[in-house]
Every structure is written in structure tokens, then in C-alpha cells.
Amino acid sequence: MPNLTYSYAGLRMTKMFEGLSLTAYADSGGVWTIGYGHTGLDIHQGLTITREQADKLLTEDVARAAEAVNRLVKVPLTQNQFDALVDFTFNLGPGALTGSTLLRLLNSGDYNGAAAQFERWVHAGGVPLPGLIRRRRAEAELFTGKASDAAQV
């Protein structure tokens, strides 16, 4: 199966949901974050970056998410399905996808069952967050073809 590449429309969706912060902040889970949702041990209070650095970090982070989706998914995907899964993986990390019922159902060929799993991933600190509810809904709609592409979310 050929590897897919994250589309420009998918990248726009990720940017829209992440927003851009050139100064580090603690996210809703208390994780230090900068740029377009970049996290890591090198991110700390008071850190600032340029827009160019934020774009570079996003490119690297999205590449890791796309690689994980290409490696873990064993069934054919449309571009929209791939984009939805990359955004999901970018936001939650490859580990979340690896052990998920979403991936198990998808790899068994149950695309509808997999799509229904997006809505289960809306909690931070045990609390459902409106932003995550919107994001998972958009990913599920993109995955099922209810949105013609990520630009419509």
C-alpha cells in the first residue's frame, strides 16, 4: 500500500484547531506547549519562538504523525481519511492511535465503527472539552466524507 502525504487542507485544519502561540503556555492538561501545539522536554515557561520556527516545528510534528498513520494503518485510506487520522494522531500522539479501538476497528475493515470512535477522545484531565468535541467531530466528518475536505471544518 502506498504511503500517503498529509494534504494542505489537512494542515490547514491542524493549524486552525491548534492556533498559533509564539510564547509557551501550559495547555488544558498542564503540558507546556508552543507554536502550533508543539510539546516536548525543551518547552518551558517564558520560551518564545518566531513564526518560522513554529512552522518548522509543525512540519516536523506532522511528519511524525503521518509516518505513524502510514505505519499503523493496514487498510486502504482515502486522502480525507488519512488527513483525519493524521490530525487525530498529531493532537493525541502516536501512542494513543497505537492502542486505540479506533485503529483496531479500522484495521479489521470496520470504517464506520472506527469513525464512531473519534468522539470518545474528547477529555482532558477526565473532563470533556468543547474544543476537543469540535475537533473530533470535524475529524469524524472528514473521515466519513461528510466534509468534502479539511478546509470546510
C-alpha atoms as a PDB file:
ATOM      1  CA  MET A   1       0.000   0.000   0.000  1.00  0.00           C
ATOM      2  CA  PRO A   2       1.487   3.403  -0.947  1.00  0.00           C
ATOM      3  CA  ASN A   3       2.228   5.900   1.794  1.00  0.00           C
ATOM      4  CA  LEU A   4       0.014   8.949   1.783  1.00  0.00           C
ATOM      5  CA  THR A   5       1.146  12.515   2.405  1.00  0.00           C
ATOM      6  CA  TYR A   6      -0.701  14.970   4.610  1.00  0.00           C
ATOM      7  CA  SER A   7      -2.586  17.383   2.384  1.00  0.00           C
ATOM      8  CA  TYR A   8      -2.513  21.164   2.506  1.00  0.00           C
ATOM      9  CA  ALA A   9      -6.195  21.067   3.545  1.00  0.00           C
ATOM     10  CA  GLY A  10      -5.324  18.737   6.417  1.00  0.00           C
ATOM     11  CA  LEU A  11      -2.514  21.026   7.519  1.00  0.00           C
ATOM     12  CA  ARG A  12      -4.911  23.993   7.483  1.00  0.00           C
ATOM     13  CA  MET A  13      -7.277  22.031   9.726  1.00  0.00           C
ATOM     14  CA  THR A  14      -4.482  21.273  12.189  1.00  0.00           C
ATOM     15  CA  LYS A  15      -3.410  24.925  12.238  1.00  0.00           C
ATOM     16  CA  MET A  16      -6.996  26.047  12.772  1.00  0.00           C
ATOM     17  CA  PHE A  17      -7.587  23.769  15.755  1.00  0.00           C
ATOM     18  CA  GLU A  18      -4.164  24.289  17.324  1.00  0.00           C
ATOM     19  CA  GLY A  19      -3.897  28.035  16.853  1.00  0.00           C
ATOM     20  CA  LEU A  20      -0.505  29.712  16.966  1.00  0.00           C
ATOM     21  CA  SER A  21       1.273  30.832  20.108  1.00  0.00           C
ATOM     22  CA  LEU A  22       4.797  32.163  19.831  1.00  0.00           C
ATOM     23  CA  THR A  23       5.091  32.119  23.633  1.00  0.00           C
ATOM     24  CA  ALA A  24       4.998  28.880  25.622  1.00  0.00           C
ATOM     25  CA  TYR A  25       1.833  28.207  27.622  1.00  0.00           C
ATOM     26  CA  ALA A  26       0.504  25.398  29.787  1.00  0.00           C
ATOM     27  CA  ASP A  27      -2.303  23.654  27.889  1.00  0.00           C
ATOM     28  CA  SER A  28      -5.521  22.353  29.482  1.00  0.00           C
ATOM     29  CA  GLY A  29      -3.622  19.280  30.685  1.00  0.00           C
ATOM     30  CA  GLY A  30      -0.778  21.348  32.128  1.00  0.00           C
ATOM     31  CA  VAL A  31       1.671  20.455  29.323  1.00  0.00           C
ATOM     32  CA  TRP A  32       3.977  23.251  28.140  1.00  0.00           C
ATOM     33  CA  THR A  33       3.138  23.983  24.516  1.00  0.00           C
ATOM     34  CA  ILE A  34       4.339  26.429  21.850  1.00  0.00           C
ATOM     35  CA  GLY A  35       3.792  27.139  18.167  1.00  0.00           C
ATOM     36  CA  TYR A  36       1.043  25.010  16.657  1.00  0.00           C
ATOM     37  CA  GLY A  37       0.642  22.569  19.532  1.00  0.00           C
ATOM     38  CA  HIS A  38       4.297  21.569  19.821  1.00  0.00           C
ATOM     39  CA  THR A  39       5.247  19.923  23.109  1.00  0.00           C
ATOM     40  CA  GLY A  40       8.435  18.402  24.435  1.00  0.00           C
ATOM     41  CA  LEU A  41      11.002  18.488  27.183  1.00  0.00           C
ATOM     42  CA  ASP A  42      12.561  21.589  25.609  1.00  0.00           C
ATOM     43  CA  ILE A  43       9.372  23.659  26.048  1.00  0.00           C
ATOM     44  CA  HIS A  44       9.186  25.712  29.234  1.00  0.00           C
ATOM     45  CA  GLN A  45       7.598  28.793  30.710  1.00  0.00           C
ATOM     46  CA  GLY A  46       8.929  32.002  29.176  1.00  0.00           C
ATOM     47  CA  LEU A  47      10.136  30.387  25.926  1.00  0.00           C
ATOM     48  CA  THR A  48       9.397  32.350  22.758  1.00  0.00           C
ATOM     49  CA  ILE A  49       9.891  31.409  19.101  1.00  0.00           C
ATOM     50  CA  THR A  50       9.413  33.004  15.680  1.00  0.00           C
ATOM     51  CA  ARG A  51       6.671  32.145  13.189  1.00  0.00           C
ATOM     52  CA  GLU A  52       9.326  30.455  11.047  1.00  0.00           C
ATOM     53  CA  GLN A  53      10.359  28.258  13.986  1.00  0.00           C
ATOM     54  CA  ALA A  54       6.696  27.433  14.664  1.00  0.00           C
ATOM     55  CA  ASP A  55       6.218  26.394  11.026  1.00  0.00           C
ATOM     56  CA  LYS A  56       9.359  24.209  11.171  1.00  0.00           C
ATOM     57  CA  LEU A  57       8.186  22.511  14.377  1.00  0.00           C
ATOM     58  CA  LEU A  58       4.752  21.916  12.846  1.00  0.00           C
ATOM     59  CA  THR A  59       6.290  20.367   9.732  1.00  0.00           C
ATOM     60  CA  GLU A  60       8.370  18.010  11.877  1.00  0.00           C
ATOM     61  CA  ASP A  61       5.475  17.105  14.194  1.00  0.00           C
ATOM     62  CA  VAL A  62       3.075  16.487  11.313  1.00  0.00           C
ATOM     63  CA  ALA A  63       5.664  14.301   9.569  1.00  0.00           C
ATOM     64  CA  ARG A  64       5.887  12.098  12.692  1.00  0.00           C
ATOM     65  CA  ALA A  65       2.086  11.822  12.856  1.00  0.00           C
ATOM     66  CA  ALA A  66       1.818  10.981   9.144  1.00  0.00           C
ATOM     67  CA  GLU A  67       4.568   8.367   9.470  1.00  0.00           C
ATOM     68  CA  ALA A  68       2.715   6.753  12.373  1.00  0.00           C
ATOM     69  CA  VAL A  69      -0.576   6.613  10.444  1.00  0.00           C
ATOM     70  CA  ASN A  70       1.160   5.146   7.372  1.00  0.00           C
ATOM     71  CA  ARG A  71       2.911   2.544   9.547  1.00  0.00           C
ATOM     72  CA  LEU A  72      -0.055   1.562  11.740  1.00  0.00           C
ATOM     73  CA  VAL A  73      -2.978   1.510   9.291  1.00  0.00           C
ATOM     74  CA  LYS A  74      -3.146  -1.696   7.271  1.00  0.00           C
ATOM     75  CA  VAL A  75      -6.214  -0.955   5.120  1.00  0.00           C
ATOM     76  CA  PRO A  76      -6.647   1.434   2.179  1.00  0.00           C
ATOM     77  CA  LEU A  77      -7.484   5.049   3.055  1.00  0.00           C
ATOM     78  CA  THR A  78      -8.840   7.980   1.128  1.00  0.00           C
ATOM     79  CA  GLN A  79      -6.972  11.279   1.411  1.00  0.00           C
ATOM     80  CA  ASN A  80      -9.690  12.603   3.745  1.00  0.00           C
ATOM     81  CA  GLN A  81      -9.484   9.534   5.986  1.00  0.00           C
ATOM     82  CA  PHE A  82      -5.710   9.862   6.125  1.00  0.00           C
ATOM     83  CA  ASP A  83      -5.931  13.593   6.920  1.00  0.00           C
ATOM     84  CA  ALA A  84      -8.436  12.958   9.727  1.00  0.00           C
ATOM     85  CA  LEU A  85      -6.181  10.292  11.237  1.00  0.00           C
ATOM     86  CA  VAL A  86      -3.067  12.462  10.983  1.00  0.00           C
ATOM     87  CA  ASP A  87      -4.808  15.358  12.750  1.00  0.00           C
ATOM     88  CA  PHE A  88      -6.014  12.945  15.445  1.00  0.00           C
ATOM     89  CA  THR A  89      -2.505  11.499  15.847  1.00  0.00           C
ATOM     90  CA  PHE A  90      -0.871  14.933  15.823  1.00  0.00           C
ATOM     91  CA  ASN A  91      -3.178  16.069  18.629  1.00  0.00           C
ATOM     92  CA  LEU A  92      -3.034  12.952  20.804  1.00  0.00           C
ATOM     93  CA  GLY A  93       0.277  11.359  19.876  1.00  0.00           C
ATOM     94  CA  PRO A  94       1.057   8.098  18.069  1.00  0.00           C
ATOM     95  CA  GLY A  95       0.687   6.097  21.290  1.00  0.00           C
ATOM     96  CA  ALA A  96      -2.997   6.981  21.511  1.00  0.00           C
ATOM     97  CA  LEU A  97      -3.629   5.702  17.991  1.00  0.00           C
ATOM     98  CA  THR A  98      -1.473   2.601  18.502  1.00  0.00           C
ATOM     99  CA  GLY A  99      -3.544   1.187  21.348  1.00  0.00           C
ATOM    100  CA  SER A 100      -6.923   2.507  20.254  1.00  0.00           C
ATOM    101  CA  THR A 101     -10.122   0.699  19.448  1.00  0.00           C
ATOM    102  CA  LEU A 102     -10.337   3.132  16.526  1.00  0.00           C
ATOM    103  CA  LEU A 103      -7.222   1.571  14.948  1.00  0.00           C
ATOM    104  CA  ARG A 104      -8.299  -1.995  15.760  1.00  0.00           C
ATOM    105  CA  LEU A 105     -11.690  -1.472  14.113  1.00  0.00           C
ATOM    106  CA  LEU A 106     -10.174   0.311  11.132  1.00  0.00           C
ATOM    107  CA  ASN A 107      -7.598  -2.408  10.509  1.00  0.00           C
ATOM    108  CA  SER A 108     -10.366  -5.018  10.661  1.00  0.00           C
ATOM    109  CA  GLY A 109     -12.124  -3.136   7.837  1.00  0.00           C
ATOM    110  CA  ASP A 110     -14.842  -1.581  10.007  1.00  0.00           C
ATOM    111  CA  TYR A 111     -14.573   2.001   8.740  1.00  0.00           C
ATOM    112  CA  ASN A 112     -17.914   3.060  10.253  1.00  0.00           C
ATOM    113  CA  GLY A 113     -17.017   1.608  13.627  1.00  0.00           C
ATOM    114  CA  ALA A 114     -13.668   3.382  13.503  1.00  0.00           C
ATOM    115  CA  ALA A 115     -15.354   6.689  12.635  1.00  0.00           C
ATOM    116  CA  ALA A 116     -17.616   6.353  15.678  1.00  0.00           C
ATOM    117  CA  GLN A 117     -14.536   6.130  17.918  1.00  0.00           C
ATOM    118  CA  PHE A 118     -13.375   9.712  17.318  1.00  0.00           C
ATOM    119  CA  GLU A 119     -15.994  11.065  19.729  1.00  0.00           C
ATOM    120  CA  ARG A 120     -14.509   9.040  22.604  1.00  0.00           C
ATOM    121  CA  TRP A 121     -11.337  11.173  22.596  1.00  0.00           C
ATOM    122  CA  VAL A 122     -12.699  14.494  23.922  1.00  0.00           C
ATOM    123  CA  HIS A 123     -11.413  14.519  27.503  1.00  0.00           C
ATOM    124  CA  ALA A 124      -8.501  16.304  29.139  1.00  0.00           C
ATOM    125  CA  GLY A 125      -7.977  15.568  32.792  1.00  0.00           C
ATOM    126  CA  GLY A 126     -11.179  13.493  32.757  1.00  0.00           C
ATOM    127  CA  VAL A 127     -13.273  16.474  31.612  1.00  0.00           C
ATOM    128  CA  PRO A 128     -14.815  16.773  28.133  1.00  0.00           C
ATOM    129  CA  LEU A 129     -13.594  19.974  26.470  1.00  0.00           C
ATOM    130  CA  PRO A 130     -15.690  21.881  23.907  1.00  0.00           C
ATOM    131  CA  GLY A 131     -12.650  22.402  21.660  1.00  0.00           C
ATOM    132  CA  LEU A 132     -11.882  18.690  21.599  1.00  0.00           C
ATOM    133  CA  ILE A 133     -15.538  17.875  20.944  1.00  0.00           C
ATOM    134  CA  ARG A 134     -15.467  20.212  17.907  1.00  0.00           C
ATOM    135  CA  ARG A 135     -12.154  18.824  16.705  1.00  0.00           C
ATOM    136  CA  ARG A 136     -13.183  15.165  16.979  1.00  0.00           C
ATOM    137  CA  ARG A 137     -16.487  15.939  15.236  1.00  0.00           C
ATOM    138  CA  ALA A 138     -14.596  17.605  12.388  1.00  0.00           C
ATOM    139  CA  GLU A 139     -12.175  14.671  12.135  1.00  0.00           C
ATOM    140  CA  ALA A 140     -15.050  12.163  12.081  1.00  0.00           C
ATOM    141  CA  GLU A 141     -16.892  14.166   9.418  1.00  0.00           C
ATOM    142  CA  LEU A 142     -13.767  14.363   7.309  1.00  0.00           C
ATOM    143  CA  PHE A 143     -13.099  10.649   7.819  1.00  0.00           C
ATOM    144  CA  THR A 144     -16.629   9.659   6.748  1.00  0.00           C
ATOM    145  CA  GLY A 145     -16.767  12.049   3.817  1.00  0.00           C
ATOM    146  CA  LYS A 146     -19.407  14.307   5.362  1.00  0.00           C
ATOM    147  CA  ALA A 147     -16.942  17.184   4.870  1.00  0.00           C
ATOM    148  CA  SER A 148     -15.551  17.285   1.348  1.00  0.00           C
ATOM    149  CA  ASP A 149     -12.150  18.280   2.692  1.00  0.00           C
ATOM    150  CA  ALA A 150     -10.481  19.589   5.827  1.00  0.00           C
ATOM    151  CA  ALA A 151     -10.903  23.174   4.678  1.00  0.00           C
ATOM    152  CA  GLN A 152     -14.620  23.005   5.393  1.00  0.00           C
ATOM    153  CA  VAL A 153     -14.361  22.364   9.129  1.00  0.00           C
END
